[in-house]
Amino acid sequence: MPSAIDQAIQVRLIATAPGPQAVPAVLHYHPDDPFAVRISFPPEISLDGAEVDWIFARDLLASGLAAPAGQGDVRVEPAGRSRTLMEFHVPDGVAMVQMRTEDLHCFLERSYQAVPAGQEDAHLHLDGDLTELFGAA
């Protein structure tokens, strides 16, 4: 089984003042959860001082590289030819970050090498999960 994929990226936190702030972040992909991508932000950028993780569909990330995508808490869209904008919506407001599109393409390509697009179902372990949940009958 392929191992998890982690990729450090640089994002720009877009704030109202005084301007964009460079922040490290990490993209995560694990074949055991083949439909999902996670992005982790460091504690120093959160209001409560805790690391912030967002989980969203890998398809959303891929779609958002070409055209605006997402209607829920996470939205992704191109921001010119070399940048991609991600918005994270919470009841208190919206956080926006911008990152290099090339970094996202590289991350997605690595994830597709681990689990090709359209083959995510084959990597789900539903029988084992159901057995664990209900016990061996």
N, C-alpha and C. Protein backbone atom coordinates (compact mmCIF):
# COMPACT_ATOMS: atom_id res chain seq x y z
N MET A 1 0.84 -1.17 0.00
CA MET A 1 0.00 0.00 0.00
C MET A 1 0.89 1.24 0.00
N PRO A 2 0.60 2.22 -0.87
CA PRO A 2 1.39 3.45 -0.87
C PRO A 2 1.26 4.18 0.46
N SER A 3 2.29 4.90 0.81
CA SER A 3 2.26 5.62 2.08
C SER A 3 1.63 7.00 1.90
N ALA A 4 1.43 7.66 3.01
CA ALA A 4 0.85 9.00 3.00
C ALA A 4 1.76 9.96 2.25
N ILE A 5 1.15 10.99 1.69
CA ILE A 5 1.89 12.02 0.97
C ILE A 5 1.73 13.32 1.72
N ASP A 6 2.83 13.91 2.12
CA ASP A 6 2.83 15.22 2.76
C ASP A 6 3.70 16.12 1.90
N GLN A 7 3.23 17.34 1.69
CA GLN A 7 4.01 18.29 0.90
C GLN A 7 3.94 19.65 1.55
N ALA A 8 5.09 20.16 1.95
CA ALA A 8 5.16 21.51 2.51
C ALA A 8 5.00 22.51 1.38
N ILE A 9 4.22 23.54 1.63
CA ILE A 9 4.02 24.60 0.65
C ILE A 9 4.07 25.94 1.37
N GLN A 10 4.30 26.97 0.60
CA GLN A 10 4.26 28.34 1.13
C GLN A 10 2.95 28.94 0.66
N VAL A 11 2.19 29.51 1.58
CA VAL A 11 0.95 30.18 1.22
C VAL A 11 1.04 31.63 1.66
N ARG A 12 0.24 32.46 1.05
CA ARG A 12 0.14 33.85 1.46
C ARG A 12 -1.22 34.05 2.07
N LEU A 13 -1.25 34.36 3.35
CA LEU A 13 -2.48 34.66 4.05
C LEU A 13 -2.89 36.06 3.64
N ILE A 14 -4.07 36.18 3.07
CA ILE A 14 -4.55 37.47 2.59
C ILE A 14 -5.38 38.10 3.70
N ALA A 15 -4.88 39.20 4.22
CA ALA A 15 -5.53 39.90 5.33
C ALA A 15 -5.80 41.34 4.91
N THR A 16 -6.61 42.01 5.69
CA THR A 16 -6.94 43.39 5.36
C THR A 16 -5.80 44.35 5.66
N ALA A 17 -4.95 44.02 6.61
CA ALA A 17 -3.84 44.91 6.93
C ALA A 17 -2.66 44.09 7.40
N PRO A 18 -1.44 44.48 7.20
CA PRO A 18 -1.00 45.51 6.27
C PRO A 18 -0.83 44.98 4.86
N GLY A 19 -0.92 43.66 4.69
CA GLY A 19 -0.79 43.06 3.37
C GLY A 19 -0.65 41.56 3.53
N PRO A 20 -0.48 40.84 2.43
CA PRO A 20 -0.35 39.38 2.51
C PRO A 20 0.84 38.97 3.37
N GLN A 21 0.65 37.91 4.14
CA GLN A 21 1.68 37.40 5.05
C GLN A 21 2.06 35.99 4.61
N ALA A 22 3.35 35.72 4.39
CA ALA A 22 3.82 34.39 4.01
C ALA A 22 3.72 33.46 5.21
N VAL A 23 3.17 32.27 4.98
CA VAL A 23 2.94 31.30 6.04
C VAL A 23 3.24 29.91 5.50
N PRO A 24 3.91 29.06 6.29
CA PRO A 24 4.09 27.67 5.85
C PRO A 24 2.79 26.90 6.06
N ALA A 25 2.56 25.93 5.22
CA ALA A 25 1.41 25.04 5.35
C ALA A 25 1.84 23.67 4.82
N VAL A 26 1.06 22.65 5.13
CA VAL A 26 1.38 21.31 4.65
C VAL A 26 0.11 20.69 4.08
N LEU A 27 0.22 20.18 2.86
CA LEU A 27 -0.85 19.41 2.24
C LEU A 27 -0.63 17.94 2.57
N HIS A 28 -1.71 17.22 2.89
CA HIS A 28 -1.63 15.81 3.25
C HIS A 28 -2.60 15.01 2.38
N TYR A 29 -2.15 13.82 1.98
CA TYR A 29 -3.02 12.88 1.28
C TYR A 29 -2.67 11.48 1.77
N HIS A 30 -3.69 10.69 2.11
CA HIS A 30 -3.45 9.33 2.57
C HIS A 30 -4.35 8.38 1.79
N PRO A 31 -3.78 7.34 1.19
CA PRO A 31 -4.57 6.39 0.40
C PRO A 31 -5.70 5.71 1.17
N ASP A 32 -5.61 5.65 2.51
CA ASP A 32 -6.70 5.06 3.29
C ASP A 32 -7.95 5.94 3.30
N ASP A 33 -7.79 7.20 2.96
CA ASP A 33 -8.91 8.14 2.84
C ASP A 33 -8.79 8.77 1.45
N PRO A 34 -9.05 7.98 0.41
CA PRO A 34 -8.64 8.35 -0.95
C PRO A 34 -9.36 9.54 -1.58
N PHE A 35 -10.50 9.93 -1.04
CA PHE A 35 -11.22 11.06 -1.61
C PHE A 35 -10.81 12.40 -1.00
N ALA A 36 -10.07 12.37 0.10
CA ALA A 36 -9.83 13.58 0.88
C ALA A 36 -8.40 14.10 0.79
N VAL A 37 -8.29 15.41 0.94
CA VAL A 37 -7.03 16.12 1.08
C VAL A 37 -7.14 16.93 2.36
N ARG A 38 -6.05 17.06 3.07
CA ARG A 38 -6.03 17.90 4.28
C ARG A 38 -4.94 18.94 4.12
N ILE A 39 -5.22 20.14 4.58
CA ILE A 39 -4.19 21.18 4.63
C ILE A 39 -4.08 21.63 6.08
N SER A 40 -2.86 21.73 6.55
CA SER A 40 -2.58 22.11 7.93
C SER A 40 -1.87 23.46 7.96
N PHE A 41 -2.36 24.34 8.83
CA PHE A 41 -1.75 25.64 9.03
C PHE A 41 -1.17 25.71 10.43
N PRO A 42 -0.07 26.44 10.62
CA PRO A 42 0.58 26.49 11.92
C PRO A 42 -0.24 27.27 12.96
N PRO A 43 -0.01 27.00 14.25
CA PRO A 43 -0.77 27.65 15.31
C PRO A 43 -0.66 29.17 15.33
N GLU A 44 0.48 29.71 14.88
CA GLU A 44 0.68 31.15 14.98
C GLU A 44 -0.27 31.97 14.11
N ILE A 45 -0.97 31.35 13.17
CA ILE A 45 -1.90 32.14 12.37
C ILE A 45 -3.35 31.99 12.82
N SER A 46 -3.61 31.13 13.79
CA SER A 46 -4.99 30.95 14.23
C SER A 46 -5.32 31.89 15.38
N LEU A 47 -6.58 32.20 15.51
CA LEU A 47 -7.01 33.11 16.57
C LEU A 47 -6.85 32.51 17.96
N ASP A 48 -6.97 31.18 18.07
CA ASP A 48 -6.88 30.54 19.38
C ASP A 48 -5.51 29.90 19.65
N GLY A 49 -4.56 30.06 18.74
CA GLY A 49 -3.22 29.54 18.94
C GLY A 49 -3.07 28.05 18.74
N ALA A 50 -4.03 27.41 18.08
CA ALA A 50 -3.97 25.97 17.80
C ALA A 50 -3.75 25.74 16.31
N GLU A 51 -3.09 24.61 15.98
CA GLU A 51 -2.93 24.25 14.58
C GLU A 51 -4.31 24.11 13.95
N VAL A 52 -4.43 24.53 12.70
CA VAL A 52 -5.71 24.49 12.00
C VAL A 52 -5.60 23.51 10.83
N ASP A 53 -6.53 22.54 10.79
CA ASP A 53 -6.61 21.58 9.69
C ASP A 53 -7.95 21.75 8.98
N TRP A 54 -7.90 21.70 7.67
CA TRP A 54 -9.12 21.69 6.86
C TRP A 54 -9.07 20.44 6.00
N ILE A 55 -10.18 19.74 5.91
CA ILE A 55 -10.28 18.54 5.07
C ILE A 55 -11.33 18.80 4.00
N PHE A 56 -10.98 18.46 2.77
CA PHE A 56 -11.88 18.69 1.65
C PHE A 56 -11.60 17.67 0.56
N ALA A 57 -12.44 17.63 -0.45
CA ALA A 57 -12.33 16.64 -1.51
C ALA A 57 -11.15 16.91 -2.43
N ARG A 58 -10.45 15.84 -2.79
CA ARG A 58 -9.35 15.96 -3.74
C ARG A 58 -9.87 16.49 -5.07
N ASP A 59 -11.08 16.08 -5.46
CA ASP A 59 -11.69 16.56 -6.71
C ASP A 59 -11.92 18.08 -6.67
N LEU A 60 -12.26 18.60 -5.50
CA LEU A 60 -12.46 20.04 -5.37
C LEU A 60 -11.16 20.78 -5.67
N LEU A 61 -10.06 20.29 -5.12
CA LEU A 61 -8.77 20.91 -5.38
C LEU A 61 -8.44 20.86 -6.87
N ALA A 62 -8.62 19.70 -7.49
CA ALA A 62 -8.32 19.55 -8.91
C ALA A 62 -9.20 20.46 -9.77
N SER A 63 -10.48 20.51 -9.47
CA SER A 63 -11.41 21.35 -10.25
C SER A 63 -11.08 22.83 -10.09
N GLY A 64 -10.72 23.22 -8.87
CA GLY A 64 -10.44 24.62 -8.59
C GLY A 64 -9.19 25.17 -9.25
N LEU A 65 -8.35 24.31 -9.79
CA LEU A 65 -7.16 24.78 -10.50
C LEU A 65 -7.52 25.35 -11.87
N ALA A 66 -8.66 24.90 -12.42
CA ALA A 66 -9.07 25.33 -13.76
C ALA A 66 -10.17 26.38 -13.74
N ALA A 67 -11.05 26.32 -12.73
CA ALA A 67 -12.20 27.23 -12.66
C ALA A 67 -12.67 27.29 -11.21
N PRO A 68 -13.39 28.34 -10.85
CA PRO A 68 -13.90 28.41 -9.47
C PRO A 68 -14.69 27.15 -9.11
N ALA A 69 -14.41 26.60 -7.92
CA ALA A 69 -15.06 25.36 -7.48
C ALA A 69 -15.37 25.46 -6.00
N GLY A 70 -16.45 24.81 -5.60
CA GLY A 70 -16.83 24.74 -4.20
C GLY A 70 -17.95 25.70 -3.88
N GLN A 71 -18.87 25.22 -3.05
CA GLN A 71 -19.98 26.06 -2.61
C GLN A 71 -20.12 26.04 -1.10
N GLY A 72 -19.31 25.24 -0.44
CA GLY A 72 -19.42 25.08 1.01
C GLY A 72 -18.35 25.84 1.74
N ASP A 73 -17.77 25.19 2.74
CA ASP A 73 -16.79 25.82 3.61
C ASP A 73 -15.45 26.06 2.93
N VAL A 74 -15.12 25.26 1.90
CA VAL A 74 -13.85 25.40 1.20
C VAL A 74 -14.14 25.70 -0.27
N ARG A 75 -13.49 26.74 -0.78
CA ARG A 75 -13.64 27.12 -2.18
C ARG A 75 -12.25 27.34 -2.77
N VAL A 76 -12.10 26.95 -4.03
CA VAL A 76 -10.80 27.03 -4.70
C VAL A 76 -11.02 27.66 -6.07
N GLU A 77 -10.12 28.56 -6.46
CA GLU A 77 -10.23 29.16 -7.79
C GLU A 77 -8.88 29.69 -8.27
N PRO A 78 -8.71 29.72 -9.58
CA PRO A 78 -7.47 30.29 -10.12
C PRO A 78 -7.38 31.77 -9.77
N ALA A 79 -6.17 32.23 -9.54
CA ALA A 79 -5.90 33.65 -9.30
C ALA A 79 -4.78 34.05 -10.25
N GLY A 80 -5.10 34.15 -11.51
CA GLY A 80 -4.08 34.39 -12.53
C GLY A 80 -3.54 33.06 -13.03
N ARG A 81 -2.46 33.12 -13.77
CA ARG A 81 -1.92 31.91 -14.39
C ARG A 81 -1.07 31.08 -13.44
N SER A 82 -0.48 31.68 -12.44
CA SER A 82 0.47 30.93 -11.60
C SER A 82 0.06 30.81 -10.14
N ARG A 83 -1.08 31.34 -9.78
CA ARG A 83 -1.53 31.30 -8.38
C ARG A 83 -2.94 30.73 -8.28
N THR A 84 -3.22 30.15 -7.13
CA THR A 84 -4.55 29.61 -6.83
C THR A 84 -4.98 30.18 -5.49
N LEU A 85 -6.24 30.54 -5.41
CA LEU A 85 -6.81 31.11 -4.20
C LEU A 85 -7.69 30.07 -3.53
N MET A 86 -7.54 29.91 -2.21
CA MET A 86 -8.41 29.05 -1.43
C MET A 86 -9.09 29.89 -0.37
N GLU A 87 -10.38 29.68 -0.21
CA GLU A 87 -11.16 30.37 0.82
C GLU A 87 -11.68 29.33 1.79
N PHE A 88 -11.59 29.66 3.08
CA PHE A 88 -12.08 28.79 4.15
C PHE A 88 -13.14 29.57 4.92
N HIS A 89 -14.39 29.12 4.84
CA HIS A 89 -15.51 29.84 5.43
C HIS A 89 -15.89 29.24 6.79
N VAL A 90 -16.02 30.12 7.78
CA VAL A 90 -16.49 29.75 9.12
C VAL A 90 -17.56 30.77 9.51
N PRO A 91 -18.33 30.47 10.54
CA PRO A 91 -19.38 31.42 10.94
C PRO A 91 -18.86 32.83 11.23
N ASP A 92 -17.62 32.94 11.72
CA ASP A 92 -17.07 34.25 12.08
C ASP A 92 -16.46 35.01 10.90
N GLY A 93 -16.32 34.37 9.75
CA GLY A 93 -15.72 35.07 8.62
C GLY A 93 -15.09 34.12 7.62
N VAL A 94 -14.17 34.67 6.84
CA VAL A 94 -13.51 33.93 5.77
C VAL A 94 -12.01 34.15 5.87
N ALA A 95 -11.26 33.07 5.75
CA ALA A 95 -9.80 33.15 5.64
C ALA A 95 -9.45 32.84 4.19
N MET A 96 -8.58 33.63 3.60
CA MET A 96 -8.17 33.41 2.22
C MET A 96 -6.66 33.25 2.16
N VAL A 97 -6.23 32.24 1.40
CA VAL A 97 -4.80 32.04 1.18
C VAL A 97 -4.57 31.87 -0.31
N GLN A 98 -3.39 32.27 -0.72
CA GLN A 98 -3.00 32.16 -2.11
C GLN A 98 -1.73 31.32 -2.16
N MET A 99 -1.64 30.43 -3.15
CA MET A 99 -0.47 29.57 -3.26
C MET A 99 -0.10 29.36 -4.73
N ARG A 100 1.09 28.85 -4.93
CA ARG A 100 1.55 28.59 -6.30
C ARG A 100 0.78 27.41 -6.88
N THR A 101 0.22 27.60 -8.03
CA THR A 101 -0.53 26.55 -8.71
C THR A 101 0.37 25.36 -9.02
N GLU A 102 1.61 25.62 -9.36
CA GLU A 102 2.56 24.54 -9.66
C GLU A 102 2.72 23.59 -8.47
N ASP A 103 2.75 24.14 -7.25
CA ASP A 103 2.86 23.30 -6.05
C ASP A 103 1.64 22.39 -5.91
N LEU A 104 0.47 22.92 -6.22
CA LEU A 104 -0.76 22.12 -6.13
C LEU A 104 -0.80 21.03 -7.20
N HIS A 105 -0.37 21.36 -8.42
CA HIS A 105 -0.30 20.35 -9.48
C HIS A 105 0.65 19.23 -9.09
N CYS A 106 1.79 19.58 -8.52
CA CYS A 106 2.78 18.58 -8.09
C CYS A 106 2.18 17.67 -7.02
N PHE A 107 1.52 18.26 -6.03
CA PHE A 107 0.89 17.49 -4.96
C PHE A 107 -0.18 16.55 -5.54
N LEU A 108 -1.04 17.07 -6.40
CA LEU A 108 -2.09 16.23 -6.99
C LEU A 108 -1.50 15.09 -7.81
N GLU A 109 -0.46 15.36 -8.56
CA GLU A 109 0.17 14.31 -9.36
C GLU A 109 0.69 13.20 -8.46
N ARG A 110 1.31 13.57 -7.35
CA ARG A 110 1.80 12.56 -6.40
C ARG A 110 0.64 11.75 -5.82
N SER A 111 -0.48 12.42 -5.54
CA SER A 111 -1.64 11.72 -4.99
C SER A 111 -2.24 10.77 -6.04
N TYR A 112 -2.23 11.18 -7.31
CA TYR A 112 -2.76 10.31 -8.38
C TYR A 112 -1.84 9.12 -8.63
N GLN A 113 -0.57 9.25 -8.36
CA GLN A 113 0.33 8.11 -8.46
C GLN A 113 0.00 7.09 -7.37
N ALA A 114 -0.39 7.58 -6.19
CA ALA A 114 -0.75 6.68 -5.09
C ALA A 114 -2.12 6.06 -5.32
N VAL A 115 -3.09 6.87 -5.73
CA VAL A 115 -4.46 6.40 -6.01
C VAL A 115 -4.95 7.15 -7.24
N PRO A 116 -4.98 6.49 -8.40
CA PRO A 116 -5.42 7.16 -9.62
C PRO A 116 -6.86 7.68 -9.50
N ALA A 117 -7.11 8.79 -10.17
CA ALA A 117 -8.47 9.36 -10.20
C ALA A 117 -9.43 8.32 -10.75
N GLY A 118 -10.57 8.18 -10.11
CA GLY A 118 -11.57 7.21 -10.53
C GLY A 118 -11.40 5.85 -9.89
N GLN A 119 -10.29 5.62 -9.19
CA GLN A 119 -10.05 4.33 -8.55
C GLN A 119 -10.07 4.42 -7.03
N GLU A 120 -10.62 5.51 -6.51
CA GLU A 120 -10.65 5.72 -5.06
C GLU A 120 -11.43 4.61 -4.35
N ASP A 121 -12.55 4.17 -4.95
CA ASP A 121 -13.38 3.14 -4.32
C ASP A 121 -12.60 1.86 -4.02
N ALA A 122 -11.66 1.53 -4.87
CA ALA A 122 -10.88 0.31 -4.69
C ALA A 122 -9.97 0.39 -3.46
N HIS A 123 -9.73 1.60 -2.96
CA HIS A 123 -8.86 1.79 -1.81
C HIS A 123 -9.61 1.93 -0.50
N LEU A 124 -10.93 1.88 -0.57
CA LEU A 124 -11.73 1.92 0.65
C LEU A 124 -11.76 0.52 1.25
N HIS A 125 -11.75 0.43 2.54
CA HIS A 125 -11.74 -0.86 3.23
C HIS A 125 -13.06 -1.05 3.96
N LEU A 126 -14.16 -0.98 3.21
CA LEU A 126 -15.47 -1.03 3.83
C LEU A 126 -15.74 -2.34 4.55
N ASP A 127 -15.34 -3.47 3.97
CA ASP A 127 -15.60 -4.76 4.63
C ASP A 127 -14.91 -4.82 5.98
N GLY A 128 -13.66 -4.43 6.02
CA GLY A 128 -12.93 -4.43 7.28
C GLY A 128 -13.48 -3.43 8.27
N ASP A 129 -13.85 -2.27 7.79
CA ASP A 129 -14.43 -1.25 8.67
C ASP A 129 -15.76 -1.72 9.25
N LEU A 130 -16.60 -2.36 8.42
CA LEU A 130 -17.89 -2.83 8.91
C LEU A 130 -17.70 -3.99 9.91
N THR A 131 -16.75 -4.86 9.62
CA THR A 131 -16.47 -5.95 10.55
C THR A 131 -16.01 -5.41 11.89
N GLU A 132 -15.12 -4.42 11.84
CA GLU A 132 -14.65 -3.80 13.07
C GLU A 132 -15.78 -3.11 13.83
N LEU A 133 -16.67 -2.45 13.10
CA LEU A 133 -17.78 -1.75 13.71
C LEU A 133 -18.78 -2.70 14.37
N PHE A 134 -19.14 -3.78 13.66
CA PHE A 134 -20.17 -4.69 14.15
C PHE A 134 -19.61 -5.95 14.82
N GLY A 135 -18.32 -6.13 14.76
CA GLY A 135 -17.71 -7.33 15.33
C GLY A 135 -17.87 -8.50 14.36
N ALA A 136 -17.04 -9.49 14.50
CA ALA A 136 -17.13 -10.66 13.63
C ALA A 136 -18.41 -11.42 13.95
N ALA A 137 -19.23 -11.62 12.92
CA ALA A 137 -20.53 -12.29 13.14
C ALA A 137 -20.42 -13.77 12.88
